[in-house]
Amino acid sequence: MDLTTERLVVRDWSEDDAEAALAIYGTTDVTRWLTPAMDRVADVAAMRSVLQAWQQAQPNLVPPRGRWAVRRKEDGVVVGGLGIHLLPPYEEDLEISWQLHPDAWGEGYAAEAARALISWAFTQDTDELFAVARPNNVRAIATAKRLGMVWVGETEKYYGLRLQVYRIRHTDLTSREW
């Protein structure tokens, strides 16, 4: 799956992305906010193993679930990643998540890429998506709001963490212009 926006391409991860992915998932500034909590990936070999696992799992996931790289069109640099997966513990609700390299923060890439992914997800027999964020993750919360996601509360239900929960429904897209 390739999704294209004005400035970005959302595409499957490749093993060739290991160094770029390590610059994201190997950075404490990124991994400290992830849910579930994830340790910083230590080196390129470990990142390559993570990417291989993601690639192997992808064909077996029911759309819209998966993990994708976010590549900037102008220079081909991978600036982030997106994912849609089931939230624990009941594995009924779908979570959309975004992770960007710190150098790409503040450029609007997370919202731009997530909008494209949300629009596609709603063509895959999905009615709603959730985003969860740690209460002091102001960037993630701001992105959820920019996406038009509605705050539905705070919970400790997911990942054993106290999290803010945001939701967007398919019907929300028809009522606003993106």
Protein backbone atom coordinates (compact mmCIF):
# COMPACT_ATOMS: atom_id res chain seq x y z
CA MET A 1 0.00 0.00 0.00
CA ASP A 2 1.31 3.43 -0.96
CA LEU A 3 -0.59 6.54 0.06
CA THR A 4 0.54 9.88 -1.30
CA THR A 5 -0.06 13.31 0.18
CA GLU A 6 1.19 16.70 -0.93
CA ARG A 7 4.57 16.19 0.76
CA LEU A 8 4.70 12.55 1.86
CA VAL A 9 4.43 8.91 0.82
CA VAL A 10 3.12 6.32 3.29
CA ARG A 11 4.47 2.93 2.26
CA ASP A 12 5.47 -0.47 3.60
CA TRP A 13 8.69 -0.69 5.58
CA SER A 14 11.71 -2.26 3.91
CA GLU A 15 14.90 -3.68 5.40
CA ASP A 16 16.70 -0.90 3.55
CA ASP A 17 14.98 1.51 5.96
CA ALA A 18 16.90 0.15 8.96
CA GLU A 19 19.18 3.17 9.46
CA ALA A 20 16.35 5.68 9.02
CA ALA A 21 14.09 3.65 11.31
CA LEU A 22 16.85 3.45 13.92
CA ALA A 23 17.08 7.24 13.87
CA ILE A 24 13.42 7.20 14.98
CA TYR A 25 13.00 4.10 17.15
CA GLY A 26 16.56 4.31 18.51
CA THR A 27 15.93 7.76 19.96
CA THR A 28 14.86 8.09 23.58
CA ASP A 29 13.02 11.31 22.68
CA VAL A 30 10.67 9.11 20.60
CA THR A 31 10.54 5.83 22.49
CA ARG A 32 9.73 7.36 25.86
CA TRP A 33 6.29 8.33 24.49
CA LEU A 34 5.41 5.04 22.80
CA THR A 35 2.50 2.91 23.87
CA PRO A 36 3.02 0.16 24.61
CA ALA A 37 6.25 1.20 26.26
CA MET A 38 9.15 0.22 24.04
CA ASP A 39 12.83 0.31 24.78
CA ARG A 40 15.04 2.25 22.42
CA VAL A 41 16.27 0.00 19.60
CA ALA A 42 20.00 -0.38 20.20
CA ASP A 43 21.58 -0.70 16.76
CA VAL A 44 21.00 -1.20 13.02
CA ALA A 45 21.02 -5.01 13.30
CA ALA A 46 18.30 -4.93 15.96
CA MET A 47 16.29 -2.44 13.92
CA ARG A 48 16.61 -4.64 10.84
CA SER A 49 15.19 -7.55 12.90
CA VAL A 50 12.26 -5.39 14.04
CA LEU A 51 11.57 -4.34 10.44
CA GLN A 52 11.73 -7.97 9.28
CA ALA A 53 9.17 -8.93 11.93
CA TRP A 54 6.90 -6.07 10.84
CA GLN A 55 7.25 -7.09 7.18
CA GLN A 56 6.51 -10.74 7.92
CA ALA A 57 3.44 -9.87 9.98
CA GLN A 58 1.99 -7.36 7.50
CA PRO A 59 0.48 -9.80 4.96
CA ASN A 60 -1.31 -11.67 7.77
CA LEU A 61 -2.98 -8.60 9.27
CA VAL A 62 -6.58 -7.78 8.46
CA PRO A 63 -6.73 -4.31 6.85
CA PRO A 64 -6.50 -1.63 7.98
CA ARG A 65 -4.01 -3.02 10.49
CA GLY A 66 -0.31 -2.68 9.79
CA ARG A 67 2.83 -0.57 10.07
CA TRP A 68 4.13 1.83 7.47
CA ALA A 69 7.05 4.14 6.83
CA VAL A 70 6.50 7.84 6.15
CA ARG A 71 8.83 9.15 3.43
CA ARG A 72 9.25 12.79 2.47
CA LYS A 73 8.73 13.26 -1.29
CA GLU A 74 11.23 16.06 -1.82
CA ASP A 75 14.31 14.12 -0.73
CA GLY A 76 13.16 10.53 -0.15
CA VAL A 77 14.07 10.63 3.55
CA VAL A 78 12.05 8.39 5.89
CA VAL A 79 10.88 10.82 8.58
CA GLY A 80 8.54 8.59 10.55
CA GLY A 81 6.26 5.64 10.95
CA LEU A 82 2.54 5.00 11.27
CA GLY A 83 0.63 2.06 12.63
CA ILE A 84 -2.87 0.75 13.09
CA HIS A 85 -3.31 -2.13 15.52
CA LEU A 86 -5.74 -3.59 18.03
CA LEU A 87 -5.75 -2.08 21.51
CA PRO A 88 -5.49 -4.44 24.45
CA PRO A 89 -6.97 -5.97 26.49
CA TYR A 90 -10.05 -6.83 24.48
CA GLU A 91 -8.58 -6.33 21.01
CA GLU A 92 -11.74 -4.72 19.68
CA ASP A 93 -10.69 -1.10 19.26
CA LEU A 94 -8.22 -0.03 16.58
CA GLU A 95 -5.47 2.41 17.51
CA ILE A 96 -3.72 4.68 15.05
CA SER A 97 -0.24 5.76 16.07
CA TRP A 98 2.46 7.97 14.61
CA GLN A 99 6.14 8.35 15.37
CA LEU A 100 8.43 10.95 13.80
CA HIS A 101 12.13 11.63 13.90
CA PRO A 102 12.67 14.63 16.23
CA ASP A 103 14.10 16.65 13.33
CA ALA A 104 10.70 16.30 11.62
CA TRP A 105 8.66 17.50 14.60
CA GLY A 106 6.67 20.66 14.11
CA GLU A 107 6.37 20.30 10.31
CA GLY A 108 2.82 18.91 10.26
CA TYR A 109 3.99 15.56 8.85
CA ALA A 110 2.27 13.44 11.52
CA ALA A 111 -1.14 14.98 10.86
CA GLU A 112 -0.67 14.93 7.07
CA ALA A 113 0.35 11.27 6.96
CA ALA A 114 -2.23 10.20 9.57
CA ARG A 115 -5.03 11.95 7.63
CA ALA A 116 -4.19 9.88 4.56
CA LEU A 117 -4.05 6.69 6.61
CA ILE A 118 -7.32 7.46 8.41
CA SER A 119 -9.08 8.15 5.10
CA TRP A 120 -7.80 4.85 3.69
CA ALA A 121 -8.69 2.95 6.90
CA PHE A 122 -12.28 4.11 6.60
CA THR A 123 -12.46 2.44 3.17
CA GLN A 124 -11.55 -0.86 4.85
CA ASP A 125 -14.79 -1.51 6.74
CA THR A 126 -13.65 0.44 9.80
CA ASP A 127 -16.01 2.78 11.61
CA GLU A 128 -13.71 4.38 14.19
CA LEU A 129 -10.08 4.72 15.22
CA PHE A 130 -8.56 5.64 18.57
CA ALA A 131 -5.32 7.35 19.51
CA VAL A 132 -3.85 7.11 22.99
CA ALA A 133 -1.26 9.42 24.47
CA ARG A 134 0.49 9.86 27.77
CA PRO A 135 -1.03 12.92 29.49
CA ASN A 136 2.13 15.02 29.14
CA ASN A 137 2.76 14.13 25.48
CA VAL A 138 1.58 17.52 24.24
CA ARG A 139 2.72 16.87 20.65
CA ALA A 140 0.67 13.67 20.28
CA ILE A 141 -2.36 15.28 21.88
CA ALA A 142 -2.08 18.32 19.61
CA THR A 143 -1.81 16.05 16.56
CA ALA A 144 -4.90 14.08 17.62
CA LYS A 145 -6.81 17.34 17.93
CA ARG A 146 -5.53 18.60 14.54
CA LEU A 147 -6.86 15.37 13.05
CA GLY A 148 -10.29 16.19 14.43
CA MET A 149 -10.15 13.43 16.99
CA VAL A 150 -12.41 13.91 19.99
CA TRP A 151 -11.20 13.38 23.55
CA VAL A 152 -13.19 10.55 25.13
CA GLY A 153 -11.46 10.36 28.49
CA GLU A 154 -8.55 9.10 30.46
CA THR A 155 -7.98 5.43 31.18
CA GLU A 156 -5.54 2.90 32.55
CA LYS A 157 -7.17 0.13 30.50
CA TYR A 158 -4.52 0.10 27.76
CA TYR A 159 -0.93 -1.08 28.30
CA GLY A 160 -1.13 -0.58 32.07
CA LEU A 161 -0.51 3.15 31.60
CA ARG A 162 -2.59 6.23 32.39
CA LEU A 163 -3.49 7.52 28.92
CA GLN A 164 -5.60 10.14 27.22
CA VAL A 165 -7.94 8.58 24.64
CA TYR A 166 -9.04 10.28 21.41
CA ARG A 167 -11.44 8.95 18.78
CA ILE A 168 -12.39 9.69 15.20
CA ARG A 169 -15.35 8.10 13.46
CA HIS A 170 -16.01 7.62 9.78
CA THR A 171 -18.99 9.95 10.06
CA ASP A 172 -16.67 12.70 11.36
CA LEU A 173 -14.97 12.83 7.96
CA THR A 174 -18.19 13.47 6.09
CA SER A 175 -19.03 16.36 8.39
CA ARG A 176 -15.78 18.27 7.86
CA GLU A 177 -13.45 19.23 5.07
CA TRP A 178 -9.90 17.92 5.42
